[in-house]
Protein backbone atom coordinates (compact mmCIF):
# COMPACT_ATOMS: atom_id res chain seq x y z
CA UNK A 1 -16.06 66.55 9.55
CA UNK A 2 -12.52 65.80 10.76
CA UNK A 3 -9.87 64.34 8.50
CA UNK A 4 -6.58 63.04 9.72
CA UNK A 5 -3.23 63.77 8.14
CA UNK A 6 -1.10 61.04 9.59
CA UNK A 7 2.10 62.32 11.20
CA UNK A 8 2.02 60.10 14.27
CA UNK A 9 3.06 56.47 14.66
CA UNK A 10 6.75 57.26 14.47
CA UNK A 11 9.25 54.46 14.04
CA UNK A 12 10.93 53.40 17.27
CA UNK A 13 14.47 54.10 16.08
CA UNK A 14 17.32 54.57 18.51
CA UNK A 15 19.24 57.83 18.46
CA UNK A 16 21.58 58.25 15.49
CA UNK A 17 20.40 55.09 13.79
CA UNK A 18 21.86 54.69 10.32
CA UNK A 19 20.32 53.22 7.17
CA UNK A 20 21.55 52.46 3.69
CA UNK A 21 19.41 52.09 0.55
CA UNK A 22 20.77 49.70 -2.06
CA UNK A 23 19.77 50.37 -5.68
CA UNK A 24 16.61 51.95 -7.08
CA UNK A 25 13.95 51.51 -9.77
CA UNK A 26 13.09 53.97 -12.57
CA UNK A 27 9.38 53.31 -11.98
CA UNK A 28 7.80 56.19 -10.07
CA UNK A 29 4.87 55.91 -7.68
CA UNK A 30 3.11 59.24 -7.08
CA UNK A 31 6.11 61.04 -8.57
CA UNK A 32 8.74 59.26 -6.45
CA UNK A 33 11.17 56.46 -7.23
CA UNK A 34 11.04 53.75 -4.55
CA UNK A 35 14.45 54.76 -3.18
CA UNK A 36 13.32 58.39 -2.87
CA UNK A 37 10.21 57.21 -1.00
CA UNK A 38 12.26 55.08 1.41
CA UNK A 39 14.62 57.97 2.08
CA UNK A 40 11.68 60.26 2.87
CA UNK A 41 10.22 57.65 5.20
CA UNK A 42 13.52 57.35 7.05
CA UNK A 43 14.29 61.09 7.17
CA UNK A 44 10.87 61.72 8.69
CA UNK A 45 11.98 59.52 11.58
CA UNK A 46 15.36 61.20 12.05
CA UNK A 47 17.38 58.32 10.61
CA UNK A 48 20.87 59.14 9.31
CA UNK A 49 21.08 58.04 5.68
CA UNK A 50 24.39 56.69 4.39
CA UNK A 51 25.53 56.19 0.84
CA UNK A 52 26.93 52.78 0.04
CA UNK A 53 30.67 52.67 0.66
CA UNK A 54 30.67 56.11 2.33
CA UNK A 55 32.91 55.08 5.20
CA UNK A 56 32.83 52.83 8.23
CA UNK A 57 30.63 53.04 11.30
CA UNK A 58 31.75 52.29 14.86
CA UNK A 59 31.84 48.55 15.55
CA UNK A 60 29.02 48.80 18.13
CA UNK A 61 26.61 50.44 15.64
CA UNK A 62 23.99 48.62 13.62
CA UNK A 63 22.72 49.44 10.16
CA UNK A 64 19.43 49.03 8.35
CA UNK A 65 20.07 47.93 4.77
CA UNK A 66 17.06 48.23 2.45
CA UNK A 67 16.39 47.41 -1.18
CA UNK A 68 15.86 50.58 -3.18
CA UNK A 69 13.57 48.89 -5.69
CA UNK A 70 10.81 47.97 -3.22
CA UNK A 71 7.79 49.61 -1.61
CA UNK A 72 7.99 49.26 2.19
CA UNK A 73 5.04 49.31 4.55
CA UNK A 74 5.93 51.58 7.48
CA UNK A 75 5.09 48.77 9.91
CA UNK A 76 7.85 46.65 8.39
CA UNK A 77 10.38 49.45 8.89
CA UNK A 78 9.26 49.86 12.50
CA UNK A 79 9.62 46.14 13.09
CA UNK A 80 13.06 45.97 11.47
CA UNK A 81 14.24 48.86 13.62
CA UNK A 82 13.51 46.83 16.75
CA UNK A 83 14.87 43.50 15.49
CA UNK A 84 18.64 43.39 15.27
CA UNK A 85 20.66 40.70 13.56
CA UNK A 86 17.90 39.77 11.13
CA UNK A 87 17.64 39.15 7.39
CA UNK A 88 14.18 39.76 6.00
CA UNK A 89 12.94 37.51 3.20
CA UNK A 90 9.53 37.39 1.52
CA UNK A 91 7.62 35.35 -1.06
CA UNK A 92 7.39 37.31 -4.32
CA UNK A 93 5.84 35.73 -7.41
CA UNK A 94 6.31 32.27 -5.91
CA UNK A 95 9.99 32.66 -5.01
CA UNK A 96 11.91 33.71 -1.92
CA UNK A 97 13.43 37.15 -2.25
CA UNK A 98 15.85 39.04 0.05
CA UNK A 99 14.15 42.27 1.17
CA UNK A 100 16.08 43.97 3.98
CA UNK A 101 18.55 43.48 6.79
CA UNK A 102 19.36 44.94 10.20
CA UNK A 103 22.95 43.93 10.90
CA UNK A 104 26.12 45.00 12.66
CA UNK A 105 27.91 47.84 10.89
CA UNK A 106 30.81 45.54 9.98
CA UNK A 107 28.41 43.40 7.92
CA UNK A 108 26.96 46.29 5.87
CA UNK A 109 28.81 45.35 2.67
CA UNK A 110 27.87 41.66 2.99
CA UNK A 111 24.21 42.61 3.61
CA UNK A 112 24.16 44.75 0.46
CA UNK A 113 25.63 41.86 -1.54
CA UNK A 114 23.00 39.51 -0.08
CA UNK A 115 20.21 41.88 -1.19
CA UNK A 116 21.67 41.84 -4.69
CA UNK A 117 21.63 38.05 -4.62
CA UNK A 118 25.40 37.69 -5.01
CA UNK A 119 26.02 35.94 -1.64
CA UNK A 120 23.91 33.47 0.38
CA UNK A 121 22.40 34.44 3.77
CA UNK A 122 24.78 32.01 5.48
CA UNK A 123 27.64 34.42 4.78
CA UNK A 124 26.12 36.81 7.33
CA UNK A 125 27.04 35.20 10.63
CA UNK A 126 24.89 35.71 13.74
CA UNK A 127 21.92 36.80 11.60
CA UNK A 128 18.55 35.02 11.55
CA UNK A 129 16.32 34.85 8.46
CA UNK A 130 12.81 36.16 9.29
CA UNK A 131 9.55 36.76 7.44
CA UNK A 132 7.45 39.92 7.19
CA UNK A 133 4.89 38.42 9.57
CA UNK A 134 7.59 37.88 12.18
CA UNK A 135 8.79 41.50 12.24
CA UNK A 136 5.61 43.48 11.52
CA UNK A 137 2.23 43.60 13.20
CA UNK A 138 -0.94 43.80 11.11
CA UNK A 139 -2.61 46.46 13.27
CA UNK A 140 -1.95 50.04 12.12
CA UNK A 141 -2.29 52.30 15.16
CA UNK A 142 -2.42 55.61 13.26
CA UNK A 143 -5.19 54.44 10.91
CA UNK A 144 -7.05 52.21 13.39
CA UNK A 145 -7.23 49.22 11.06
CA UNK A 146 -5.94 45.70 10.60
CA UNK A 147 -4.42 44.40 7.37
CA UNK A 148 -1.35 42.53 6.17
CA UNK A 149 1.98 44.41 6.18
CA UNK A 150 3.96 44.20 2.95
CA UNK A 151 7.20 44.74 1.06
CA UNK A 152 6.70 44.64 -2.72
CA UNK A 153 9.08 45.09 -5.67
CA UNK A 154 8.29 48.17 -7.74
CA UNK A 155 7.90 47.28 -11.41
CA UNK A 156 6.10 48.88 -14.31
CA UNK A 157 3.57 46.01 -14.33
CA UNK A 158 2.77 46.64 -10.69
CA UNK A 159 2.64 50.45 -10.89
CA UNK A 160 -1.16 50.85 -10.97
CA UNK A 161 -1.66 48.27 -8.23
CA UNK A 162 0.99 49.79 -5.97
CA UNK A 163 -0.34 53.33 -6.40
CA UNK A 164 -3.82 52.07 -5.54
CA UNK A 165 -2.37 50.24 -2.53
CA UNK A 166 -0.63 53.33 -1.17
CA UNK A 167 -3.69 55.53 -1.78
CA UNK A 168 -6.17 53.10 -0.22
CA UNK A 169 -3.76 52.59 2.66
CA UNK A 170 -4.10 56.26 3.59
CA UNK A 171 -7.72 55.74 4.72
CA UNK A 172 -8.73 54.91 8.24
CA UNK A 173 -10.34 51.58 9.01
CA UNK A 174 -13.49 53.32 10.29
CA UNK A 175 -14.70 56.60 8.82
CA UNK A 176 -17.88 58.37 7.76
CA UNK A 177 -19.94 57.14 4.83
CA UNK A 178 -19.13 60.11 2.55
CA UNK A 179 -15.37 59.65 3.04
CA UNK A 180 -15.63 55.88 2.60
CA UNK A 181 -17.89 55.69 -0.46
CA UNK A 182 -18.17 59.08 -2.19
CA UNK A 183 -14.76 60.76 -1.93
CA UNK A 184 -12.13 58.07 -2.80
CA UNK A 185 -12.40 58.05 -6.62
CA UNK A 186 -12.50 61.86 -7.17
CA UNK A 187 -9.97 62.32 -4.35
CA UNK A 188 -7.57 59.99 -6.16
CA UNK A 189 -8.02 61.97 -9.40
CA UNK A 190 -7.32 65.28 -7.65
CA UNK A 191 -4.40 63.84 -5.65
CA UNK A 192 -2.82 62.65 -8.90
CA UNK A 193 -3.34 66.10 -10.46
CA UNK A 194 -1.70 67.72 -7.40
CA UNK A 195 1.32 65.41 -7.80
CA UNK A 196 1.63 66.39 -11.47
CA UNK A 197 1.41 70.10 -10.58
CA UNK A 198 3.86 69.58 -7.69
CA UNK A 199 1.42 71.04 -5.19
CA UNK A 200 2.23 70.47 -1.53
CA UNK A 201 -0.31 69.25 1.04
CA UNK A 202 -0.07 72.62 2.84
CA UNK A 203 -1.05 74.43 -0.37
CA UNK A 204 -4.16 72.25 -0.61
CA UNK A 205 -4.91 72.92 3.07
CA UNK A 206 -4.51 76.66 2.42
CA UNK A 207 -7.10 76.41 -0.39
CA UNK A 208 -9.51 74.69 2.02
CA UNK A 209 -8.92 77.51 4.54
CA UNK A 210 -9.94 80.06 1.89
CA UNK A 211 -13.15 78.09 1.36
CA UNK A 212 -13.83 78.14 5.11
CA UNK A 213 -14.03 81.95 4.91
CA UNK A 214 -15.99 81.90 1.63
CA UNK A 215 -18.58 79.53 3.12
CA UNK A 216 -18.80 81.65 6.28
CA UNK A 217 -19.47 84.84 4.32
CA UNK A 218 -22.13 83.11 2.22
CA UNK A 219 -23.84 81.71 5.33
CA UNK A 220 -23.83 85.17 6.97
CA UNK A 221 -25.53 86.59 3.86
CA UNK A 222 -28.20 83.93 3.98
CA UNK A 223 -26.95 82.28 0.76
CA UNK A 224 -27.03 78.81 2.24
CA UNK A 225 -26.99 76.72 -0.94
CA UNK A 226 -23.80 78.37 -2.20
CA UNK A 227 -22.33 78.25 1.30
CA UNK A 228 -22.99 74.51 1.56
CA UNK A 229 -21.36 73.98 -1.84
CA UNK A 230 -18.24 75.85 -0.67
CA UNK A 231 -18.31 73.83 2.55
CA UNK A 232 -18.51 70.52 0.71
CA UNK A 233 -15.59 71.45 -1.54
CA UNK A 234 -13.67 72.41 1.59
CA UNK A 235 -14.30 68.99 3.19
CA UNK A 236 -13.26 67.32 -0.08
CA UNK A 237 -9.94 69.20 -0.09
CA UNK A 238 -9.61 68.25 3.57
CA UNK A 239 -9.56 64.65 2.35
CA UNK A 240 -7.14 65.37 -0.50
CA UNK A 241 -4.46 67.13 1.58
CA UNK A 242 -4.08 64.16 3.91
CA UNK A 243 -3.94 61.64 1.08
CA UNK A 244 -1.41 63.77 -0.82
CA UNK A 245 0.78 64.02 2.29
CA UNK A 246 0.69 60.27 2.80
CA UNK A 247 1.29 59.06 -0.77
CA UNK A 248 4.18 61.52 -1.24
CA UNK A 249 5.54 61.02 2.30
CA UNK A 250 5.46 64.76 3.03
CA UNK A 251 3.64 64.91 6.37
CA UNK A 252 5.02 67.58 8.71
CA UNK A 253 4.21 68.74 12.24
CA UNK A 254 3.23 72.16 10.86
CA UNK A 255 0.93 70.59 8.27
CA UNK A 256 -0.64 68.38 10.91
CA UNK A 257 -1.38 71.39 13.15
CA UNK A 258 -2.59 73.46 10.17
CA UNK A 259 -4.98 70.73 9.02
CA UNK A 260 -6.34 69.77 12.43
CA UNK A 261 -6.54 73.39 13.54
CA UNK A 262 -8.90 74.22 10.68
CA UNK A 263 -10.99 71.10 11.43
CA UNK A 264 -11.27 72.07 15.08
CA UNK A 265 -11.99 75.78 14.77
CA UNK A 266 -14.16 76.31 11.69
CA UNK A 267 -17.46 74.66 12.77
CA UNK A 268 -18.33 77.19 15.54
CA UNK A 269 -17.62 80.08 13.16
CA UNK A 270 -19.91 78.51 10.58
CA UNK A 271 -22.61 78.19 13.26
CA UNK A 272 -22.24 81.89 14.07
CA UNK A 273 -22.35 82.83 10.37
CA UNK A 274 -25.42 80.63 9.85
CA UNK A 275 -27.08 82.38 12.80
CA UNK A 276 -26.23 85.81 11.40
CA UNK A 277 -27.85 84.80 8.12
CA UNK A 278 -30.96 83.55 9.88
CA UNK A 279 -31.11 86.74 11.96
CA UNK A 280 -31.83 88.68 8.77
CA UNK A 281 -35.31 87.19 9.10
CA UNK A 282 -35.34 85.73 12.62
CA UNK A 283 -37.24 82.46 12.90
CA UNK A 284 -38.52 80.71 16.01
CA UNK A 285 -37.50 77.04 15.93
CA UNK A 286 -39.91 74.71 17.73
CA UNK A 287 -40.85 77.56 20.04
CA UNK A 288 -37.21 78.29 20.98
CA UNK A 289 -35.51 81.58 20.13
CA UNK A 290 -32.69 81.52 17.57
CA UNK A 291 -30.10 82.73 20.10
CA UNK A 292 -30.97 79.85 22.45
CA UNK A 293 -30.73 77.34 19.60
CA UNK A 294 -27.29 78.68 18.72
CA UNK A 295 -25.94 78.24 22.28
CA UNK A 296 -27.37 74.71 22.44
CA UNK A 297 -25.58 73.81 19.16
CA UNK A 298 -22.30 75.39 20.32
CA UNK A 299 -22.44 73.58 23.69
CA UNK A 300 -23.15 70.31 21.89
CA UNK A 301 -20.17 70.83 19.60
CA UNK A 302 -17.77 71.55 22.47
CA UNK A 303 -19.15 68.61 24.44
CA UNK A 304 -18.67 66.31 21.45
CA UNK A 305 -15.05 67.38 21.00
CA UNK A 306 -14.35 66.85 24.72
CA UNK A 307 -15.89 63.37 24.43
CA UNK A 308 -13.64 62.56 21.45
CA UNK A 309 -10.57 63.75 23.33
CA UNK A 310 -11.44 61.74 26.43
CA UNK A 311 -12.05 58.61 24.34
CA UNK A 312 -8.70 58.92 22.55
CA UNK A 313 -6.89 59.63 25.82
CA UNK A 314 -8.36 56.65 27.65
């Protein structure tokens, strides 16, 4: 059962793009202040972060200026990166609110003042006011789903809603029934516990790898009930590591390979271990020898993976 730790869908930033985060909020979502979350989102894309008033940029450079007290959908950041000379506004609690800007470097200070509400948008010449819908698409390529992009202020009253939003947003639009209906509530509990204990996604993945070997040994000994229990816990942790990586913005290339590598490799080894366990008292399944059944299952698994790869490629 494959789970996906999202590391793809990178923001289309130009080389050496700079960004500045204005302000912050003391309210933490999944252990992070909103400004810390934004900075992690930007660093993951190779953006150069500047501190306000930390010097001037070349006149031909542009700068992303973002409110540090908001939660940003990654699609909005991607859209802002492509749209230059724009001021992003949104409707929040029935009023228009300045959310972000992508302006010429010379206008960085004025953009920061606009986000604070101390100057009107008209003071930023050659900049057009746009909405979230104008800069961000609703379709999320990495998660294969369609929903509304957002930028939301982070407040204590919104904390529970925003944490639920970020957690639910880590799920694909189409997935298996167990992942969709059984895992989300306990996975959210365990993800929250991992945040409190400061566990990394790779540590959770390492625990699931241990359970891969435990389940394999149990299968090889013919202890199938205990082996299936270990296997189910492993698939549960395989859900948790991806959600933890997404809500804490800690996805890495190594973690992605680690997670997907386990998903790809462990099933054939479990088949072999299951066969070894059955060989202790060899059965004949529907008139077919156990060894033949094993090779049929293995060929089917490889064929299924090749089909998946071809579908994603085309």
